[in-house]
């Protein structure tokens, strides 16, 4: 009956939104408002939430604190870390409150939580007293759910409203971290908290200067008011410089010493499915990344176009289920413009026609099929073709799913992981061909 009603009532119908509020409040009551005994850091944005969350958890842990985390790819309580196989970034209120309660019971001081626009709109953070809000960046995404971009932007801003209007905990300030270089900076700058930290490359009080970019990562001088320190992060790309700056802004706000922040950033672990290299002895590079928006895909391709001495391959698709159809030809155009070889494939078609999605993506591609461009619905076969064609010095990018453990089509949920599939192909089949 409940599933029948869910299918009958639209996502954002007032009855459904009220149901979400009741469930969120009930969950908070049942688990005794665990966030009141934690310093909770909420991270939102279109791109970079997962990497920033994991980097921040690593830096706080390296600084000697016991940390909990809830992110797209993993959960963490102290030394224990396990995979999030749900395909959901911000979990439902009962799961999330139970997780926060465990964090409290097991001695965590900090909780790092990824917060999506859906989670804000559906009141999943109701009853969670959040102390710190971070915005990474904002580009168009999930418009099919919110109805228009302004509603999406306001949902992102909902995290900031939640923080500044929330009750203050004893000796815990309300902190905001904003990206000075994001086009919607002024929107988030309207929110007033106890402390506000503005980070960026081109502006802000927390900046990266003297940047050196390499395939393995980046070096830069981290500048804060009245101090600076040299930082090296083991993750490549402009995105990760901004992610590191967001982490630094939070840590400065929490009062961590600058040398401790720099050391923590240098020791962050590779985030699974983000700029994630797959090595099996081949003489070309293979990288898995979650890039699923036009902005993220363009940044990924631009980075590796500059780092690749040979040819650049991209294997990608767009999610089905009616999600942001307008971005499909845009992402096709980006791939066509920046990659030497383009293979369009499946990426969670849900109940949509897979060929229909592929054709919409291909609408942005000017080349004719067969001219360094192929349409292959079977994702394994698409990846296999790219690996077979790649030569010494080339780079194969597999984008869109990152570290996800399942794919969803008309049959339902199917076990799937890009990195595992690539490893199998490289070790069992591609080596024979080579």
Protein backbone atom coordinates (compact mmCIF):
# COMPACT_ATOMS: atom_id res chain seq x y z
CA UNK A 1 0.00 0.00 0.00
CA UNK A 2 2.80 2.42 0.91
CA UNK A 3 4.59 1.84 -2.41
CA UNK A 4 1.28 2.32 -4.24
CA UNK A 5 0.76 5.69 -2.55
CA UNK A 6 4.35 6.72 -3.30
CA UNK A 7 3.81 6.03 -6.99
CA UNK A 8 0.49 7.85 -6.92
CA UNK A 9 1.66 11.05 -5.17
CA UNK A 10 4.23 13.25 -7.01
CA UNK A 11 7.68 13.67 -5.43
CA UNK A 12 7.16 17.25 -4.29
CA UNK A 13 3.45 17.13 -3.46
CA UNK A 14 2.74 18.81 -0.08
CA UNK A 15 1.45 15.53 1.36
CA UNK A 16 4.66 13.76 0.46
CA UNK A 17 6.85 16.56 1.81
CA UNK A 18 4.88 16.53 5.06
CA UNK A 19 5.35 12.76 5.29
CA UNK A 20 9.13 13.27 4.96
CA UNK A 21 9.08 15.85 7.78
CA UNK A 22 7.15 13.55 10.10
CA UNK A 23 9.49 10.62 9.41
CA UNK A 24 12.60 12.78 9.93
CA UNK A 25 11.34 14.14 13.24
CA UNK A 26 10.28 10.67 14.40
CA UNK A 27 13.74 9.28 13.54
CA UNK A 28 15.43 12.06 15.50
CA UNK A 29 13.23 11.38 18.53
CA UNK A 30 13.78 7.61 18.41
CA UNK A 31 17.57 8.00 18.29
CA UNK A 32 17.55 10.86 20.84
CA UNK A 33 18.88 13.66 18.63
CA UNK A 34 22.47 12.34 18.40
CA UNK A 35 23.69 15.36 16.40
CA UNK A 36 23.42 17.43 19.59
CA UNK A 37 26.47 15.54 20.89
CA UNK A 38 28.57 15.95 17.73
CA UNK A 39 30.08 18.77 15.70
CA UNK A 40 28.28 18.17 12.41
CA UNK A 41 29.70 19.39 9.10
CA UNK A 42 27.34 19.39 6.11
CA UNK A 43 28.82 19.53 2.61
CA UNK A 44 26.74 20.36 -0.45
CA UNK A 45 27.33 21.35 -4.08
CA UNK A 46 26.89 19.94 -7.56
CA UNK A 47 30.38 18.47 -7.90
CA UNK A 48 33.06 17.63 -5.36
CA UNK A 49 30.90 16.73 -2.35
CA UNK A 50 32.21 13.19 -2.01
CA UNK A 51 35.88 14.03 -2.46
CA UNK A 52 35.64 16.98 -0.07
CA UNK A 53 33.83 14.86 2.54
CA UNK A 54 36.41 12.09 2.38
CA UNK A 55 39.34 14.53 2.38
CA UNK A 56 37.93 16.35 5.40
CA UNK A 57 37.36 13.11 7.30
CA UNK A 58 40.95 12.09 6.53
CA UNK A 59 42.41 15.43 7.67
CA UNK A 60 40.40 15.48 10.90
CA UNK A 61 41.40 11.87 11.59
CA UNK A 62 45.07 12.64 10.90
CA UNK A 63 44.75 15.54 13.34
CA UNK A 64 43.95 13.09 16.12
CA UNK A 65 40.15 13.27 16.24
CA UNK A 66 37.67 10.44 16.08
CA UNK A 67 35.47 11.09 13.04
CA UNK A 68 32.28 9.74 11.52
CA UNK A 69 31.22 10.22 7.90
CA UNK A 70 28.27 9.60 5.60
CA UNK A 71 29.05 10.03 1.90
CA UNK A 72 28.04 8.78 -1.55
CA UNK A 73 30.68 6.07 -1.57
CA UNK A 74 31.30 5.16 2.07
CA UNK A 75 30.37 5.38 5.73
CA UNK A 76 32.89 5.77 8.51
CA UNK A 77 32.94 5.53 12.29
CA UNK A 78 36.44 5.98 13.65
CA UNK A 79 38.72 3.36 12.08
CA UNK A 80 35.80 1.41 10.59
CA UNK A 81 34.89 2.29 7.01
CA UNK A 82 32.47 0.46 4.74
CA UNK A 83 30.99 0.87 1.27
CA UNK A 84 27.75 2.73 0.63
CA UNK A 85 26.13 0.44 -1.93
CA UNK A 86 22.76 2.21 -1.90
CA UNK A 87 23.26 4.68 -4.79
CA UNK A 88 21.98 7.29 -2.34
CA UNK A 89 24.15 10.19 -1.18
CA UNK A 90 22.20 11.42 1.84
CA UNK A 91 20.55 8.43 3.45
CA UNK A 92 16.99 8.28 4.74
CA UNK A 93 16.38 9.78 8.20
CA UNK A 94 16.18 6.54 10.15
CA UNK A 95 19.44 5.22 8.71
CA UNK A 96 21.16 8.57 9.15
CA UNK A 97 20.01 9.12 12.73
CA UNK A 98 21.01 5.57 13.65
CA UNK A 99 24.44 6.16 12.10
CA UNK A 100 24.86 9.42 14.03
CA UNK A 101 23.85 7.67 17.24
CA UNK A 102 26.54 5.05 16.64
CA UNK A 103 29.07 7.84 16.08
CA UNK A 104 28.17 9.33 19.46
CA UNK A 105 28.21 5.97 21.25
CA UNK A 106 31.62 5.14 19.75
CA UNK A 107 33.24 8.40 20.78
CA UNK A 108 33.29 10.50 17.61
CA UNK A 109 33.71 14.26 17.94
CA UNK A 110 32.99 15.18 14.31
CA UNK A 111 30.39 13.96 11.81
CA UNK A 112 30.95 14.78 8.13
CA UNK A 113 27.73 14.45 6.11
CA UNK A 114 27.14 14.90 2.38
CA UNK A 115 23.90 16.81 1.90
CA UNK A 116 22.07 16.76 -1.43
CA UNK A 117 19.39 19.11 -2.68
CA UNK A 118 16.95 16.17 -2.51
CA UNK A 119 17.83 15.65 1.16
CA UNK A 120 17.12 19.28 2.01
CA UNK A 121 13.86 19.32 0.06
CA UNK A 122 12.72 16.06 1.67
CA UNK A 123 13.66 17.20 5.20
CA UNK A 124 16.14 14.35 5.74
CA UNK A 125 18.31 16.71 7.80
CA UNK A 126 15.41 17.81 10.02
CA UNK A 127 16.38 17.05 13.61
CA UNK A 128 20.11 17.15 12.79
CA UNK A 129 21.67 20.24 14.35
CA UNK A 130 24.39 21.05 11.79
CA UNK A 131 27.19 23.42 12.81
CA UNK A 132 29.19 23.89 9.60
CA UNK A 133 27.96 24.31 6.02
CA UNK A 134 30.24 24.01 2.98
CA UNK A 135 29.36 24.77 -0.64
CA UNK A 136 31.69 23.36 -3.29
CA UNK A 137 30.12 24.74 -6.49
CA UNK A 138 26.77 24.96 -8.26
CA UNK A 139 25.88 24.04 -11.83
CA UNK A 140 22.57 22.80 -13.22
CA UNK A 141 21.63 19.32 -11.98
CA UNK A 142 18.49 17.49 -10.80
CA UNK A 143 16.30 20.10 -12.49
CA UNK A 144 13.85 17.32 -13.39
CA UNK A 145 13.13 16.90 -9.66
CA UNK A 146 13.16 20.53 -8.53
CA UNK A 147 11.31 21.91 -11.55
CA UNK A 148 13.72 24.74 -12.37
CA UNK A 149 17.24 25.88 -11.56
CA UNK A 150 16.21 28.50 -8.98
CA UNK A 151 14.42 25.83 -6.95
CA UNK A 152 17.57 23.68 -7.15
CA UNK A 153 19.72 26.62 -6.00
CA UNK A 154 17.35 27.38 -3.14
CA UNK A 155 17.52 23.74 -2.04
CA UNK A 156 21.31 24.01 -1.91
CA UNK A 157 20.88 27.19 0.11
CA UNK A 158 18.57 25.27 2.41
CA UNK A 159 21.59 23.71 4.11
CA UNK A 160 22.92 27.19 4.90
CA UNK A 161 19.55 28.32 6.25
CA UNK A 162 19.42 25.15 8.34
CA UNK A 163 22.81 26.00 9.88
CA UNK A 164 22.33 29.70 10.57
CA UNK A 165 18.80 29.25 11.94
CA UNK A 166 19.70 26.21 14.04
CA UNK A 167 20.26 26.18 17.77
CA UNK A 168 23.84 26.85 18.86
CA UNK A 169 25.61 24.19 20.87
CA UNK A 170 27.76 25.16 23.83
CA UNK A 171 31.13 26.54 22.63
CA UNK A 172 30.47 25.43 19.03
CA UNK A 173 30.25 28.31 16.52
CA UNK A 174 28.16 28.29 13.36
CA UNK A 175 30.58 28.26 10.41
CA UNK A 176 30.09 28.75 6.66
CA UNK A 177 32.66 27.98 3.92
CA UNK A 178 32.02 29.55 0.50
CA UNK A 179 33.71 29.24 -2.88
CA UNK A 180 34.70 32.76 -4.01
CA UNK A 181 35.20 31.60 -7.61
CA UNK A 182 31.79 29.98 -8.03
CA UNK A 183 29.32 31.93 -10.13
CA UNK A 184 26.69 31.72 -7.39
CA UNK A 185 28.95 32.96 -4.60
CA UNK A 186 26.80 36.05 -3.99
CA UNK A 187 23.75 33.90 -3.33
CA UNK A 188 25.48 32.01 -0.52
CA UNK A 189 27.22 35.13 0.76
CA UNK A 190 23.85 36.44 1.97
CA UNK A 191 23.83 33.96 4.85
CA UNK A 192 25.32 35.25 8.10
CA UNK A 193 26.95 33.00 10.69
CA UNK A 194 29.40 33.33 13.58
CA UNK A 195 32.29 32.70 11.22
CA UNK A 196 32.47 32.84 7.44
CA UNK A 197 35.45 31.60 5.42
CA UNK A 198 35.78 32.34 1.72
CA UNK A 199 38.13 30.15 -0.29
CA UNK A 200 39.30 30.23 -3.89
CA UNK A 201 42.11 30.52 -6.40
CA UNK A 202 41.15 33.89 -7.85
CA UNK A 203 39.74 35.37 -4.66
CA UNK A 204 38.95 34.71 -1.03
CA UNK A 205 40.79 34.90 2.26
CA UNK A 206 41.84 31.25 2.03
CA UNK A 207 43.67 30.86 -1.28
CA UNK A 208 45.92 28.63 -3.32
CA UNK A 209 48.90 30.45 -4.84
CA UNK A 210 51.96 29.35 -6.84
CA UNK A 211 50.10 26.28 -8.11
CA UNK A 212 52.06 23.44 -9.74
CA UNK A 213 49.98 20.75 -11.46
CA UNK A 214 51.15 17.21 -12.18
CA UNK A 215 49.54 13.91 -13.12
CA UNK A 216 50.00 12.64 -9.55
CA UNK A 217 48.63 15.71 -7.79
CA UNK A 218 49.18 19.40 -7.15
CA UNK A 219 51.45 21.65 -5.10
CA UNK A 220 50.50 25.12 -3.93
CA UNK A 221 50.97 27.67 -1.20
CA UNK A 222 47.97 27.67 1.12
CA UNK A 223 47.40 31.27 2.18
CA UNK A 224 45.21 32.27 5.12
CA UNK A 225 45.02 35.63 6.91
CA UNK A 226 48.46 36.36 8.41
CA UNK A 227 49.99 32.99 7.54
CA UNK A 228 50.80 30.53 4.75
CA UNK A 229 52.18 27.03 4.25
CA UNK A 230 53.26 24.84 1.33
CA UNK A 231 50.80 22.04 0.56
CA UNK A 232 51.01 18.98 -1.68
CA UNK A 233 47.89 16.93 -2.38
CA UNK A 234 48.06 13.46 -4.00
CA UNK A 235 45.10 14.14 -6.31
CA UNK A 236 45.29 15.89 -9.70
CA UNK A 237 43.13 18.60 -11.21
CA UNK A 238 41.70 22.02 -10.44
CA UNK A 239 38.64 20.44 -8.82
CA UNK A 240 40.78 18.85 -6.15
CA UNK A 241 42.59 22.10 -5.43
CA UNK A 242 39.20 23.64 -4.70
CA UNK A 243 38.19 20.61 -2.65
CA UNK A 244 41.38 20.94 -0.60
CA UNK A 245 40.71 24.65 -0.08
CA UNK A 246 37.20 23.87 1.15
CA UNK A 247 38.68 21.40 3.63
CA UNK A 248 41.26 23.98 4.73
CA UNK A 249 38.52 26.58 5.24
CA UNK A 250 36.60 24.24 7.55
CA UNK A 251 39.71 23.26 9.47
CA UNK A 252 40.77 26.89 9.96
CA UNK A 253 37.25 27.62 11.18
CA UNK A 254 37.50 24.76 13.66
CA UNK A 255 40.80 26.13 14.97
CA UNK A 256 43.26 23.53 13.65
CA UNK A 257 46.88 24.74 13.32
CA UNK A 258 47.99 25.41 9.74
CA UNK A 259 50.91 22.88 9.76
CA UNK A 260 48.48 20.18 10.93
CA UNK A 261 46.09 21.04 8.09
CA UNK A 262 48.92 20.91 5.53
CA UNK A 263 50.15 17.55 6.80
CA UNK A 264 46.64 16.13 6.77
CA UNK A 265 46.04 17.26 3.18
CA UNK A 266 49.30 15.65 2.07
CA UNK A 267 48.18 12.33 3.57
CA UNK A 268 44.62 12.14 2.21
CA UNK A 269 43.76 8.83 0.62
CA UNK A 270 42.66 8.32 -2.96
CA UNK A 271 38.89 8.62 -3.10
CA UNK A 272 37.46 5.56 -4.81
CA UNK A 273 35.93 6.36 -8.18
CA UNK A 274 37.32 9.91 -8.32
CA UNK A 275 40.33 10.37 -10.63
CA UNK A 276 40.89 6.71 -9.82
CA UNK A 277 43.68 5.06 -11.84
CA UNK A 278 43.52 1.36 -12.71
CA UNK A 279 46.91 -0.28 -13.22
CA UNK A 280 47.49 -3.84 -14.39
CA UNK A 281 50.84 -3.52 -16.14
CA UNK A 282 49.47 -1.88 -19.30
CA UNK A 283 51.45 0.86 -21.06
CA UNK A 284 48.53 3.29 -21.18
CA UNK A 285 46.52 5.01 -18.45
CA UNK A 286 43.01 4.05 -17.39
CA UNK A 287 41.07 6.38 -15.09
CA UNK A 288 37.63 5.93 -13.51
CA UNK A 289 35.74 9.06 -12.48
CA UNK A 290 32.23 9.92 -11.37
CA UNK A 291 31.96 12.90 -13.77
CA UNK A 292 28.23 12.89 -14.53
CA UNK A 293 27.52 16.57 -15.21
CA UNK A 294 28.69 18.70 -18.15
CA UNK A 295 30.98 20.78 -15.94
CA UNK A 296 32.58 17.74 -14.32
CA UNK A 297 33.04 15.94 -17.65
CA UNK A 298 34.65 18.99 -19.23
CA UNK A 299 37.04 19.42 -16.30
CA UNK A 300 37.98 15.73 -16.44
CA UNK A 301 38.62 15.75 -20.19
CA UNK A 302 40.49 19.07 -20.13
CA UNK A 303 42.78 17.82 -17.36
CA UNK A 304 43.73 14.58 -19.10
CA UNK A 305 43.97 16.20 -22.52
CA UNK A 306 46.81 18.24 -21.07
CA UNK A 307 48.41 15.26 -19.32
CA UNK A 308 48.16 12.70 -22.14
CA UNK A 309 51.00 12.38 -24.67
CA UNK A 310 49.02 10.00 -26.90
CA UNK A 311 45.32 9.76 -27.67
CA UNK A 312 42.46 10.43 -25.26
CA UNK A 313 39.50 8.00 -25.07
CA UNK A 314 36.24 8.67 -23.25
CA UNK A 315 33.66 5.99 -22.40
CA UNK A 316 30.52 7.48 -20.87
CA UNK A 317 26.73 7.69 -20.91
CA UNK A 318 23.94 9.60 -19.20
CA UNK A 319 21.57 8.45 -16.49
CA UNK A 320 18.02 7.55 -17.43
CA UNK A 321 14.84 7.76 -15.44
CA UNK A 322 14.02 11.17 -16.90
CA UNK A 323 16.98 12.77 -15.18
CA UNK A 324 18.16 16.05 -16.71
CA UNK A 325 17.62 15.12 -20.34
CA UNK A 326 18.83 18.55 -21.47
CA UNK A 327 22.40 17.79 -20.43
CA UNK A 328 22.70 14.72 -22.68
CA UNK A 329 23.60 16.44 -25.99
CA UNK A 330 25.69 18.98 -24.06
CA UNK A 331 27.86 16.20 -22.66
CA UNK A 332 28.07 14.65 -26.13
CA UNK A 333 29.37 17.96 -27.50
CA UNK A 334 31.97 18.21 -24.73
CA UNK A 335 33.23 14.69 -25.43
CA UNK A 336 33.30 15.36 -29.17
CA UNK A 337 35.31 18.54 -28.68
CA UNK A 338 37.90 17.28 -26.21
CA UNK A 339 38.40 13.53 -26.77
CA UNK A 340 40.15 11.81 -29.66
CA UNK A 341 37.90 8.74 -29.39
CA UNK A 342 34.33 8.77 -28.04
CA UNK A 343 32.32 5.71 -27.01
CA UNK A 344 28.77 6.36 -25.77
CA UNK A 345 27.29 3.61 -23.63
CA UNK A 346 24.82 2.85 -20.84
CA UNK A 347 24.80 4.55 -17.45
CA UNK A 348 21.82 3.50 -15.31
CA UNK A 349 19.06 3.74 -17.94
CA UNK A 350 16.44 2.71 -15.35
CA UNK A 351 13.23 2.06 -17.31
CA UNK A 352 14.10 4.42 -20.17
CA UNK A 353 14.98 3.09 -23.59
CA UNK A 354 18.77 2.75 -23.57
CA UNK A 355 19.08 3.52 -27.26
CA UNK A 356 16.97 6.63 -26.82
CA UNK A 357 19.39 7.97 -24.20
CA UNK A 358 22.42 7.11 -26.33
CA UNK A 359 20.91 8.84 -29.35
CA UNK A 360 20.21 11.97 -27.30
CA UNK A 361 23.82 12.07 -26.10
CA UNK A 362 25.01 11.45 -29.65
CA UNK A 363 22.97 14.42 -30.82
CA UNK A 364 25.78 16.64 -29.57
CA UNK A 365 28.48 14.71 -31.48
CA UNK A 366 29.34 15.96 -34.97
CA UNK A 367 31.39 12.99 -36.17
CA UNK A 368 29.75 10.10 -37.93
CA UNK A 369 29.58 6.74 -36.21
CA UNK A 370 32.71 4.71 -36.94
CA UNK A 371 34.85 7.84 -37.30
CA UNK A 372 36.49 7.69 -33.85
CA UNK A 373 32.98 7.47 -32.41
CA UNK A 374 30.90 4.42 -31.44
CA UNK A 375 27.55 3.75 -29.76
CA UNK A 376 27.71 0.56 -27.68
CA UNK A 377 24.93 0.01 -25.08
CA UNK A 378 26.75 -2.84 -23.31
CA UNK A 379 29.06 -0.96 -20.93
CA UNK A 380 31.50 -3.87 -20.62
CA UNK A 381 31.83 -4.11 -24.40
CA UNK A 382 32.27 -0.35 -24.67
CA UNK A 383 35.09 -0.43 -22.13
CA UNK A 384 36.63 -3.48 -23.82
CA UNK A 385 36.77 -1.67 -27.17
CA UNK A 386 38.54 1.33 -25.64
CA UNK A 387 41.09 -0.88 -23.86
CA UNK A 388 41.78 -2.90 -27.01
CA UNK A 389 42.36 0.25 -29.06
CA UNK A 390 44.53 2.09 -26.53
CA UNK A 391 48.28 2.21 -27.16
CA UNK A 392 51.39 3.32 -25.32
CA UNK A 393 50.92 6.83 -23.93
CA UNK A 394 47.13 6.92 -24.41
CA UNK A 395 44.55 7.57 -21.69
CA UNK A 396 41.20 5.83 -21.35
CA UNK A 397 38.65 7.67 -19.21
CA UNK A 398 35.58 5.78 -17.99
CA UNK A 399 33.14 8.33 -16.62
CA UNK A 400 29.75 8.58 -14.97
CA UNK A 401 29.56 5.84 -12.34
CA UNK A 402 32.69 6.23 -10.26
CA UNK A 403 32.72 3.78 -7.37
CA UNK A 404 29.08 2.73 -7.67
CA UNK A 405 28.45 -0.95 -7.02
CA UNK A 406 25.27 -1.40 -9.05
CA UNK A 407 23.71 -0.47 -12.39
CA UNK A 408 19.95 -0.05 -12.76
CA UNK A 409 18.03 -0.92 -15.91
CA UNK A 410 14.63 -2.43 -16.70
CA UNK A 411 15.70 -5.67 -15.02
CA UNK A 412 16.34 -3.84 -11.74
CA UNK A 413 19.61 -3.57 -9.84
CA UNK A 414 22.60 -5.38 -11.37
CA UNK A 415 25.98 -5.78 -9.63
CA UNK A 416 28.44 -3.48 -11.39
CA UNK A 417 31.67 -1.62 -10.64
CA UNK A 418 33.67 0.12 -13.37
CA UNK A 419 37.02 -0.42 -11.69
CA UNK A 420 36.41 -4.14 -11.13
CA UNK A 421 35.26 -4.63 -14.72
CA UNK A 422 38.30 -2.79 -16.06
CA UNK A 423 40.58 -4.88 -13.86
CA UNK A 424 38.99 -8.08 -15.12
CA UNK A 425 39.33 -6.99 -18.74
CA UNK A 426 42.93 -5.90 -18.34
CA UNK A 427 43.98 -9.04 -16.49
CA UNK A 428 41.98 -11.71 -18.32
CA UNK A 429 41.43 -10.49 -21.86
CA UNK A 430 43.39 -7.42 -22.86
CA UNK A 431 46.78 -8.90 -21.90
CA UNK A 432 46.16 -11.79 -24.28
CA UNK A 433 45.41 -9.37 -27.10
CA UNK A 434 48.52 -7.37 -26.28
